[in-house]
PDB file of N, CA and C in Angstrom:
ATOM      1  N   MET A   1    -112.941-115.681 -94.309  1.00  0.00           N
ATOM      2  CA  MET A   1    -112.746-116.510 -95.176  1.00  0.00           C
ATOM      3  C   MET A   1    -112.736-115.582 -96.369  1.00  0.00           C
ATOM      4  N   PHE A   2    -112.004-115.893 -97.945  1.00  0.00           N
ATOM      5  CA  PHE A   2    -111.792-115.220 -98.428  1.00  0.00           C
ATOM      6  C   PHE A   2    -112.151-116.324 -99.651  1.00  0.00           C
ATOM      7  N   VAL A   3    -112.617-116.324-101.215  1.00  0.00           N
ATOM      8  CA  VAL A   3    -112.911-117.394-101.575  1.00  0.00           C
ATOM      9  C   VAL A   3    -112.399-116.761-103.474  1.00  0.00           C
ATOM     10  N   ALA A   4    -111.833-116.945-103.868  1.00  0.00           N
ATOM     11  CA  ALA A   4    -111.927-116.879-105.219  1.00  0.00           C
ATOM     12  C   ALA A   4    -111.966-118.084-105.952  1.00  0.00           C
ATOM     13  N   ILE A   5    -113.056-117.637-107.205  1.00  0.00           N
ATOM     14  CA  ILE A   5    -113.256-118.724-107.951  1.00  0.00           C
ATOM     15  C   ILE A   5    -113.374-118.314-109.193  1.00  0.00           C
ATOM     16  N   TRP A   6    -113.158-119.639-109.486  1.00  0.00           N
ATOM     17  CA  TRP A   6    -112.522-119.602-111.334  1.00  0.00           C
ATOM     18  C   TRP A   6    -113.065-120.833-112.351  1.00  0.00           C
ATOM     19  N   LYS A   7    -113.977-120.458-113.278  1.00  0.00           N
ATOM     20  CA  LYS A   7    -114.463-121.468-114.551  1.00  0.00           C
ATOM     21  C   LYS A   7    -113.729-121.945-115.308  1.00  0.00           C
ATOM     22  N   TYR A   8    -112.948-122.841-115.575  1.00  0.00           N
ATOM     23  CA  TYR A   8    -112.425-123.181-117.102  1.00  0.00           C
ATOM     24  C   TYR A   8    -113.213-124.292-118.216  1.00  0.00           C
ATOM     25  N   GLU A   9    -113.001-123.856-119.092  1.00  0.00           N
ATOM     26  CA  GLU A   9    -113.363-124.880-120.313  1.00  0.00           C
ATOM     27  C   GLU A   9    -112.106-125.633-120.955  1.00  0.00           C
ATOM     28  N   VAL A  10    -112.291-126.897-120.226  1.00  0.00           N
ATOM     29  CA  VAL A  10    -110.427-127.761-121.173  1.00  0.00           C
ATOM     30  C   VAL A  10    -110.505-128.248-122.136  1.00  0.00           C
ATOM     31  N   ASP A  11    -109.384-128.274-122.652  1.00  0.00           N
ATOM     32  CA  ASP A  11    -109.575-128.640-123.933  1.00  0.00           C
ATOM     33  C   ASP A  11    -109.600-130.313-123.373  1.00  0.00           C
ATOM     34  N   LEU A  12    -110.694-131.295-124.536  1.00  0.00           N
ATOM     35  CA  LEU A  12    -110.584-132.299-124.297  1.00  0.00           C
ATOM     36  C   LEU A  12    -109.488-133.450-124.161  1.00  0.00           C
ATOM     37  N   ASN A  13    -108.667-132.977-124.997  1.00  0.00           N
ATOM     38  CA  ASN A  13    -107.428-133.623-125.040  1.00  0.00           C
ATOM     39  C   ASN A  13    -105.844-133.676-123.854  1.00  0.00           C
ATOM     40  N   ARG A  14    -106.569-132.708-123.089  1.00  0.00           N
ATOM     41  CA  ARG A  14    -105.329-132.265-122.011  1.00  0.00           C
ATOM     42  C   ARG A  14    -106.322-131.896-120.795  1.00  0.00           C
ATOM     43  N   LEU A  15    -107.400-132.841-120.625  1.00  0.00           N
ATOM     44  CA  LEU A  15    -107.220-133.168-119.530  1.00  0.00           C
ATOM     45  C   LEU A  15    -106.796-133.404-118.175  1.00  0.00           C
ATOM     46  N   GLU A  16    -106.340-134.622-118.110  1.00  0.00           N
ATOM     47  CA  GLU A  16    -105.266-135.414-117.183  1.00  0.00           C
ATOM     48  C   GLU A  16    -104.303-134.212-117.084  1.00  0.00           C
ATOM     49  N   GLN A  17    -103.404-133.251-118.241  1.00  0.00           N
ATOM     50  CA  GLN A  17    -102.458-132.587-117.716  1.00  0.00           C
ATOM     51  C   GLN A  17    -103.434-131.143-116.845  1.00  0.00           C
ATOM     52  N   PHE A  18    -104.394-130.550-117.321  1.00  0.00           N
ATOM     53  CA  PHE A  18    -105.327-129.598-116.533  1.00  0.00           C
ATOM     54  C   PHE A  18    -105.390-130.243-114.977  1.00  0.00           C
ATOM     55  N   GLU A  19    -105.868-131.378-115.059  1.00  0.00           N
ATOM     56  CA  GLU A  19    -105.922-131.890-113.340  1.00  0.00           C
ATOM     57  C   GLU A  19    -104.278-131.717-112.943  1.00  0.00           C
ATOM     58  N   GLU A  20    -103.556-132.258-113.366  1.00  0.00           N
ATOM     59  CA  GLU A  20    -102.227-132.433-112.242  1.00  0.00           C
ATOM     60  C   GLU A  20    -101.810-130.744-112.557  1.00  0.00           C
ATOM     61  N   LEU A  21    -102.098-129.867-113.267  1.00  0.00           N
ATOM     62  CA  LEU A  21    -101.809-128.680-113.113  1.00  0.00           C
ATOM     63  C   LEU A  21    -102.647-127.942-111.992  1.00  0.00           C
ATOM     64  N   TYR A  22    -103.600-128.059-111.800  1.00  0.00           N
ATOM     65  CA  TYR A  22    -104.270-127.442-110.802  1.00  0.00           C
ATOM     66  C   TYR A  22    -104.808-128.319-109.647  1.00  0.00           C
ATOM     67  N   GLY A  23    -105.032-129.484-109.766  1.00  0.00           N
ATOM     68  CA  GLY A  23    -105.082-130.301-108.439  1.00  0.00           C
ATOM     69  C   GLY A  23    -104.348-129.900-107.535  1.00  0.00           C
ATOM     70  N   GLN A  24    -104.630-131.135-106.011  1.00  0.00           N
ATOM     71  CA  GLN A  24    -103.914-130.843-104.961  1.00  0.00           C
ATOM     72  C   GLN A  24    -102.325-131.049-105.160  1.00  0.00           C
ATOM     73  N   LYS A  25    -101.637-131.601-106.362  1.00  0.00           N
ATOM     74  CA  LYS A  25    -100.191-131.758-105.813  1.00  0.00           C
ATOM     75  C   LYS A  25    -100.029-130.989-107.677  1.00  0.00           C
ATOM     76  N   GLY A  26    -100.261-129.985-107.590  1.00  0.00           N
ATOM     77  CA  GLY A  26    -100.087-129.483-109.020  1.00  0.00           C
ATOM     78  C   GLY A  26     -99.605-127.894-108.735  1.00  0.00           C
ATOM     79  N   LYS A  27     -99.005-127.355-109.757  1.00  0.00           N
ATOM     80  CA  LYS A  27     -97.517-126.093-109.430  1.00  0.00           C
ATOM     81  C   LYS A  27     -98.813-124.915-108.772  1.00  0.00           C
ATOM     82  N   TRP A  28     -99.862-125.211-108.965  1.00  0.00           N
ATOM     83  CA  TRP A  28    -100.635-123.845-108.138  1.00  0.00           C
ATOM     84  C   TRP A  28    -100.654-123.580-106.464  1.00  0.00           C
ATOM     85  N   VAL A  29    -100.678-125.504-106.517  1.00  0.00           N
ATOM     86  CA  VAL A  29    -100.937-125.605-104.889  1.00  0.00           C
ATOM     87  C   VAL A  29     -99.731-125.255-104.161  1.00  0.00           C
ATOM     88  N   ALA A  30     -98.770-125.605-104.796  1.00  0.00           N
ATOM     89  CA  ALA A  30     -97.848-125.912-104.274  1.00  0.00           C
ATOM     90  C   ALA A  30     -96.925-124.640-104.240  1.00  0.00           C
ATOM     91  N   LEU A  31     -97.264-123.844-105.080  1.00  0.00           N
ATOM     92  CA  LEU A  31     -97.178-122.165-104.955  1.00  0.00           C
ATOM     93  C   LEU A  31     -97.709-121.431-103.686  1.00  0.00           C
ATOM     94  N   PHE A  32     -99.298-121.842-103.701  1.00  0.00           N
ATOM     95  CA  PHE A  32    -100.110-121.707-102.628  1.00  0.00           C
ATOM     96  C   PHE A  32     -99.652-121.446-101.392  1.00  0.00           C
ATOM     97  N   LYS A  33     -99.496-123.329-101.319  1.00  0.00           N
ATOM     98  CA  LYS A  33     -98.970-123.350 -99.977  1.00  0.00           C
ATOM     99  C   LYS A  33     -97.721-122.737 -99.178  1.00  0.00           C
ATOM    100  N   LYS A  34     -97.207-121.736-100.066  1.00  0.00           N
ATOM    101  CA  LYS A  34     -95.652-120.985 -99.563  1.00  0.00           C
ATOM    102  C   LYS A  34     -96.240-119.697 -98.853  1.00  0.00           C
ATOM    103  N   ALA A  35     -97.484-119.267 -99.558  1.00  0.00           N
ATOM    104  CA  ALA A  35     -98.422-117.910 -98.981  1.00  0.00           C
ATOM    105  C   ALA A  35     -98.867-118.264 -97.359  1.00  0.00           C
ATOM    106  N   THR A  36     -98.964-117.039 -96.830  1.00  0.00           N
ATOM    107  CA  THR A  36     -99.148-116.842 -95.244  1.00  0.00           C
ATOM    108  C   THR A  36    -100.622-116.117 -96.093  1.00  0.00           C
ATOM    109  N   GLY A  37    -101.422-117.217 -95.049  1.00  0.00           N
ATOM    110  CA  GLY A  37    -102.915-116.647 -95.125  1.00  0.00           C
ATOM    111  C   GLY A  37    -103.765-118.120 -96.497  1.00  0.00           C
ATOM    112  N   TYR A  38    -102.625-118.476 -97.114  1.00  0.00           N
ATOM    113  CA  TYR A  38    -103.555-119.429 -97.953  1.00  0.00           C
ATOM    114  C   TYR A  38    -104.296-120.806 -97.070  1.00  0.00           C
ATOM    115  N   ILE A  39    -105.602-120.915 -96.969  1.00  0.00           N
ATOM    116  CA  ILE A  39    -105.795-122.119 -96.535  1.00  0.00           C
ATOM    117  C   ILE A  39    -106.379-123.654 -97.321  1.00  0.00           C
ATOM    118  N   ASN A  40    -106.859-123.556 -98.966  1.00  0.00           N
ATOM    119  CA  ASN A  40    -106.516-124.653 -99.703  1.00  0.00           C
ATOM    120  C   ASN A  40    -107.202-124.417-101.091  1.00  0.00           C
ATOM    121  N   THR A  41    -106.820-125.536-101.454  1.00  0.00           N
ATOM    122  CA  THR A  41    -108.079-125.398-103.069  1.00  0.00           C
ATOM    123  C   THR A  41    -108.363-126.125-103.541  1.00  0.00           C
ATOM    124  N   GLU A  42    -109.529-126.164-104.081  1.00  0.00           N
ATOM    125  CA  GLU A  42    -110.732-126.892-104.107  1.00  0.00           C
ATOM    126  C   GLU A  42    -110.846-127.115-105.755  1.00  0.00           C
ATOM    127  N   LEU A  43    -110.735-128.207-106.380  1.00  0.00           N
ATOM    128  CA  LEU A  43    -110.852-128.769-107.730  1.00  0.00           C
ATOM    129  C   LEU A  43    -111.892-129.123-108.326  1.00  0.00           C
ATOM    130  N   VAL A  44    -112.930-128.517-108.651  1.00  0.00           N
ATOM    131  CA  VAL A  44    -114.269-129.533-109.120  1.00  0.00           C
ATOM    132  C   VAL A  44    -114.804-129.452-110.420  1.00  0.00           C
ATOM    133  N   LYS A  45    -115.282-130.808-110.756  1.00  0.00           N
ATOM    134  CA  LYS A  45    -115.437-131.064-112.222  1.00  0.00           C
ATOM    135  C   LYS A  45    -117.373-130.868-112.398  1.00  0.00           C
ATOM    136  N   ASP A  46    -117.370-130.167-113.627  1.00  0.00           N
ATOM    137  CA  ASP A  46    -119.214-130.452-113.679  1.00  0.00           C
ATOM    138  C   ASP A  46    -119.213-131.685-113.864  1.00  0.00           C
ATOM    139  N   THR A  47    -120.740-132.161-113.584  1.00  0.00           N
ATOM    140  CA  THR A  47    -121.019-133.917-113.704  1.00  0.00           C
ATOM    141  C   THR A  47    -121.764-133.470-115.071  1.00  0.00           C
ATOM    142  N   SER A  48    -122.301-132.572-115.642  1.00  0.00           N
ATOM    143  CA  SER A  48    -122.480-132.558-116.876  1.00  0.00           C
ATOM    144  C   SER A  48    -122.071-132.322-117.748  1.00  0.00           C
ATOM    145  N   SER A  49    -120.829-132.366-117.946  1.00  0.00           N
ATOM    146  CA  SER A  49    -119.718-131.943-118.917  1.00  0.00           C
ATOM    147  C   SER A  49    -118.643-132.289-118.496  1.00  0.00           C
ATOM    148  N   LYS A  50    -117.924-132.930-119.484  1.00  0.00           N
ATOM    149  CA  LYS A  50    -116.312-133.675-119.760  1.00  0.00           C
ATOM    150  C   LYS A  50    -115.024-132.816-119.267  1.00  0.00           C
ATOM    151  N   ASN A  51    -115.729-131.880-119.406  1.00  0.00           N
ATOM    152  CA  ASN A  51    -114.255-130.672-120.071  1.00  0.00           C
ATOM    153  C   ASN A  51    -114.809-129.348-118.603  1.00  0.00           C
ATOM    154  N   VAL A  52    -115.655-129.674-117.899  1.00  0.00           N
ATOM    155  CA  VAL A  52    -115.658-128.045-117.416  1.00  0.00           C
ATOM    156  C   VAL A  52    -115.270-127.953-116.108  1.00  0.00           C
ATOM    157  N   TYR A  53    -114.458-127.520-115.485  1.00  0.00           N
ATOM    158  CA  TYR A  53    -114.151-127.395-114.102  1.00  0.00           C
ATOM    159  C   TYR A  53    -114.333-125.957-113.104  1.00  0.00           C
ATOM    160  N   ILE A  54    -114.251-126.089-112.215  1.00  0.00           N
ATOM    161  CA  ILE A  54    -114.603-124.935-111.176  1.00  0.00           C
ATOM    162  C   ILE A  54    -113.023-125.279-109.910  1.00  0.00           C
ATOM    163  N   SER A  55    -112.486-123.593-109.614  1.00  0.00           N
ATOM    164  CA  SER A  55    -111.274-123.782-108.644  1.00  0.00           C
ATOM    165  C   SER A  55    -111.940-123.218-107.570  1.00  0.00           C
ATOM    166  N   LEU A  56    -111.995-123.555-106.547  1.00  0.00           N
ATOM    167  CA  LEU A  56    -112.158-122.340-105.059  1.00  0.00           C
ATOM    168  C   LEU A  56    -110.711-122.048-103.988  1.00  0.00           C
ATOM    169  N   ASP A  57    -110.136-121.193-104.618  1.00  0.00           N
ATOM    170  CA  ASP A  57    -109.027-120.863-103.691  1.00  0.00           C
ATOM    171  C   ASP A  57    -109.520-120.210-102.952  1.00  0.00           C
ATOM    172  N   LYS A  58    -109.279-120.626-101.277  1.00  0.00           N
ATOM    173  CA  LYS A  58    -109.323-119.908 -99.942  1.00  0.00           C
ATOM    174  C   LYS A  58    -108.041-119.651 -99.339  1.00  0.00           C
ATOM    175  N   TRP A  59    -108.403-118.437 -98.955  1.00  0.00           N
ATOM    176  CA  TRP A  59    -107.471-117.881 -98.202  1.00  0.00           C
ATOM    177  C   TRP A  59    -108.310-116.869 -96.828  1.00  0.00           C
ATOM    178  N   GLU A  60    -107.808-116.513 -96.417  1.00  0.00           N
ATOM    179  CA  GLU A  60    -108.088-115.722 -94.840  1.00  0.00           C
ATOM    180  C   GLU A  60    -107.979-114.473 -94.854  1.00  0.00           C
ATOM    181  N   SER A  61    -107.809-114.104 -96.093  1.00  0.00           N
ATOM    182  CA  SER A  61    -108.425-112.703 -96.064  1.00  0.00           C
ATOM    183  C   SER A  61    -107.918-112.238 -97.842  1.00  0.00           C
ATOM    184  N   GLN A  62    -108.644-111.223 -98.718  1.00  0.00           N
ATOM    185  CA  GLN A  62    -108.719-110.866 -99.758  1.00  0.00           C
ATOM    186  C   GLN A  62    -107.650-110.314 -99.965  1.00  0.00           C
ATOM    187  N   ALA A  63    -106.471-109.637 -98.586  1.00  0.00           N
ATOM    188  CA  ALA A  63    -105.743-108.698 -98.939  1.00  0.00           C
ATOM    189  C   ALA A  63    -104.406-109.241 -99.090  1.00  0.00           C
ATOM    190  N   LEU A  64    -104.263-110.680 -98.339  1.00  0.00           N
ATOM    191  CA  LEU A  64    -103.234-111.459 -98.047  1.00  0.00           C
ATOM    192  C   LEU A  64    -103.178-112.400 -99.584  1.00  0.00           C
ATOM    193  N   TYR A  65    -104.226-112.366 -99.729  1.00  0.00           N
ATOM    194  CA  TYR A  65    -104.565-112.927-101.793  1.00  0.00           C
ATOM    195  C   TYR A  65    -103.760-111.891-102.598  1.00  0.00           C
ATOM    196  N   GLU A  66    -104.670-110.678-101.922  1.00  0.00           N
ATOM    197  CA  GLU A  66    -103.659-109.424-103.229  1.00  0.00           C
ATOM    198  C   GLU A  66    -102.348-109.511-103.241  1.00  0.00           C
ATOM    199  N   GLN A  67    -101.847-109.265-102.035  1.00  0.00           N
ATOM    200  CA  GLN A  67    -100.646-109.206-101.560  1.00  0.00           C
ATOM    201  C   GLN A  67     -99.544-110.132-102.211  1.00  0.00           C
ATOM    202  N   PHE A  68     -99.697-111.350-102.189  1.00  0.00           N
ATOM    203  CA  PHE A  68     -99.615-112.754-102.962  1.00  0.00           C
ATOM    204  C   PHE A  68     -99.374-112.599-104.394  1.00  0.00           C
ATOM    205  N   TYR A  69    -100.367-112.142-104.697  1.00  0.00           N
ATOM    206  CA  TYR A  69    -100.079-112.050-106.404  1.00  0.00           C
ATOM    207  C   TYR A  69     -99.221-110.920-106.617  1.00  0.00           C
ATOM    208  N   GLU A  70     -99.362-110.186-106.064  1.00  0.00           N
ATOM    209  CA  GLU A  70     -98.481-108.959-106.286  1.00  0.00           C
ATOM    210  C   GLU A  70     -96.615-109.062-106.244  1.00  0.00           C
ATOM    211  N   GLU A  71     -96.300-110.201-105.118  1.00  0.00           N
ATOM    212  CA  GLU A  71     -95.141-110.163-104.339  1.00  0.00           C
ATOM    213  C   GLU A  71     -94.915-111.649-105.550  1.00  0.00           C
ATOM    214  N   ASN A  72     -95.876-112.190-106.351  1.00  0.00           N
ATOM    215  CA  ASN A  72     -95.255-112.967-107.030  1.00  0.00           C
ATOM    216  C   ASN A  72     -95.744-113.157-108.556  1.00  0.00           C
ATOM    217  N   LYS A  73     -95.868-112.400-109.046  1.00  0.00           N
ATOM    218  CA  LYS A  73     -96.440-111.966-110.100  1.00  0.00           C
ATOM    219  C   LYS A  73     -95.551-113.212-111.399  1.00  0.00           C
ATOM    220  N   SER A  74     -94.134-112.567-111.222  1.00  0.00           N
ATOM    221  CA  SER A  74     -93.698-113.788-112.522  1.00  0.00           C
ATOM    222  C   SER A  74     -93.771-115.402-112.724  1.00  0.00           C
ATOM    223  N   THR A  75     -94.096-115.740-110.902  1.00  0.00           N
ATOM    224  CA  THR A  75     -93.676-117.285-111.345  1.00  0.00           C
ATOM    225  C   THR A  75     -95.293-117.495-111.621  1.00  0.00           C
ATOM    226  N   ILE A  76     -96.796-116.899-111.198  1.00  0.00           N
ATOM    227  CA  ILE A  76     -97.765-116.877-111.424  1.00  0.00           C
ATOM    228  C   ILE A  76     -98.266-116.965-112.470  1.00  0.00           C
ATOM    229  N   ASP A  77     -97.241-115.468-113.656  1.00  0.00           N
ATOM    230  CA  ASP A  77     -97.725-115.566-115.070  1.00  0.00           C
ATOM    231  C   ASP A  77     -97.503-116.879-115.636  1.00  0.00           C
ATOM    232  N   SER A  78     -95.936-117.277-115.388  1.00  0.00           N
ATOM    233  CA  SER A  78     -95.527-118.392-115.926  1.00  0.00           C
ATOM    234  C   SER A  78     -96.090-119.552-115.844  1.00  0.00           C
ATOM    235  N   ILE A  79     -97.209-119.678-114.781  1.00  0.00           N
ATOM    236  CA  ILE A  79     -97.914-121.023-114.497  1.00  0.00           C
ATOM    237  C   ILE A  79     -99.228-121.115-115.551  1.00  0.00           C
ATOM    238  N   ASP A  80     -99.747-119.710-115.347  1.00  0.00           N
ATOM    239  CA  ASP A  80    -100.624-119.427-116.058  1.00  0.00           C
ATOM    240  C   ASP A  80    -100.511-119.271-117.790  1.00  0.00           C
ATOM    241  N   LYS A  81     -99.615-119.415-117.993  1.00  0.00           N
ATOM    242  CA  LYS A  81     -99.248-119.575-119.230  1.00  0.00           C
ATOM    243  C   LYS A  81     -99.448-121.166-119.649  1.00  0.00           C
ATOM    244  N   GLU A  82     -98.924-121.962-118.941  1.00  0.00           N
ATOM    245  CA  GLU A  82     -99.631-123.454-118.865  1.00  0.00           C
ATOM    246  C   GLU A  82    -101.071-123.679-118.906  1.00  0.00           C
ATOM    247  N   GLY A  83    -101.623-123.185-118.014  1.00  0.00           N
ATOM    248  CA  GLY A  83    -102.403-123.842-117.807  1.00  0.00           C
ATOM    249  C   GLY A  83    -103.432-123.320-119.270  1.00  0.00           C
ATOM    250  N   ASP A  84    -102.851-122.014-119.862  1.00  0.00           N
ATOM    251  CA  ASP A  84    -103.505-121.195-120.989  1.00  0.00           C
ATOM    252  C   ASP A  84    -103.240-122.250-122.070  1.00  0.00           C
ATOM    253  N   GLU A  85    -102.365-123.025-121.998  1.00  0.00           N
ATOM    254  CA  GLU A  85    -102.455-124.140-123.288  1.00  0.00           C
ATOM    255  C   GLU A  85    -103.341-125.495-123.229  1.00  0.00           C
ATOM    256  N   LEU A  86    -103.739-125.271-122.124  1.00  0.00           N
ATOM    257  CA  LEU A  86    -104.717-126.411-121.736  1.00  0.00           C
ATOM    258  C   LEU A  86    -106.159-126.065-121.849  1.00  0.00           C
ATOM    259  N   THR A  87    -106.908-124.638-121.765  1.00  0.00           N
ATOM    260  CA  THR A  87    -107.676-124.426-121.578  1.00  0.00           C
ATOM    261  C   THR A  87    -108.661-124.050-122.326  1.00  0.00           C
ATOM    262  N   LEU A  88    -109.612-123.805-122.826  1.00  0.00           N
ATOM    263  CA  LEU A  88    -110.370-123.123-123.672  1.00  0.00           C
ATOM    264  C   LEU A  88    -110.958-121.507-123.594  1.00  0.00           C
ATOM    265  N   SER A  89    -111.152-121.645-122.273  1.00  0.00           N
ATOM    266  CA  SER A  89    -111.537-120.625-121.740  1.00  0.00           C
ATOM    267  C   SER A  89    -111.106-120.631-120.641  1.00  0.00           C
ATOM    268  N   GLU A  90    -111.188-119.419-119.777  1.00  0.00           N
ATOM    269  CA  GLU A  90    -110.976-119.356-118.403  1.00  0.00           C
ATOM    270  C   GLU A  90    -111.732-118.089-117.933  1.00  0.00           C
ATOM    271  N   THR A  91    -112.885-118.154-116.984  1.00  0.00           N
ATOM    272  CA  THR A  91    -113.968-117.321-116.183  1.00  0.00           C
ATOM    273  C   THR A  91    -113.450-116.962-114.864  1.00  0.00           C
ATOM    274  N   ASN A  92    -113.276-115.706-114.532  1.00  0.00           N
ATOM    275  CA  ASN A  92    -113.357-115.400-113.203  1.00  0.00           C
ATOM    276  C   ASN A  92    -114.926-115.110-112.792  1.00  0.00           C
ATOM    277  N   ILE A  93    -115.050-116.026-112.143  1.00  0.00           N
ATOM    278  CA  ILE A  93    -116.847-116.253-111.329  1.00  0.00           C
ATOM    279  C   ILE A  93    -116.562-114.703-110.136  1.00  0.00           C
ATOM    280  N   GLY A  94    -115.644-114.713-109.820  1.00  0.00           N
ATOM    281  CA  GLY A  94    -115.682-113.617-108.668  1.00  0.00           C
ATOM    282  C   GLY A  94    -115.257-113.976-107.150  1.00  0.00           C
ATOM    283  N   TRP A  95    -114.937-112.696-106.646  1.00  0.00           N
ATOM    284  CA  TRP A  95    -114.259-112.442-104.840  1.00  0.00           C
ATOM    285  C   TRP A  95    -115.528-113.114-104.485  1.00  0.00           C
ATOM    286  N   PHE A  96    -115.330-113.635-103.258  1.00  0.00           N
ATOM    287  CA  PHE A  96    -116.288-113.681-102.267  1.00  0.00           C
ATOM    288  C   PHE A  96    -115.597-114.019-101.116  1.00  0.00           C
ATOM    289  N   ASN A  97    -116.551-113.653 -99.818  1.00  0.00           N
ATOM    290  CA  ASN A  97    -116.111-113.571 -98.557  1.00  0.00           C
ATOM    291  C   ASN A  97    -117.601-114.661 -97.680  1.00  0.00           C
ATOM    292  N   ALA A  98    -116.643-115.732 -97.108  1.00  0.00           N
ATOM    293  CA  ALA A  98    -117.647-116.361 -96.039  1.00  0.00           C
ATOM    294  C   ALA A  98    -118.309-115.267 -94.906  1.00  0.00           C
ATOM    295  N   LEU A  99    -119.502-116.061 -95.014  1.00  0.00           N
ATOM    296  CA  LEU A  99    -120.042-115.697 -94.122  1.00  0.00           C
ATOM    297  C   LEU A  99    -120.343-115.975 -92.494  1.00  0.00           C
TER     298      LEU A  99
END
């Protein structure tokens, strides 16, 4: 299993909108569900900060993840712009393979 991990610092006035966009019923998950190899996404909130989140996007392989991103670039860019309006920062923690 491949996991893409992202960290977000969210505008305090936009927390609910962020959770809607990145949560289980949001646009990211809806898009990913169309993909071959997508497993699930977990969105978790830092217990010591009101506006820090981590997302874990789980895929069968990094190759399927990268293929999906290449094939859906324009849609991904559009959703990413929506997220940019809600966040103060977005950091790629890294790409990981489950052992």
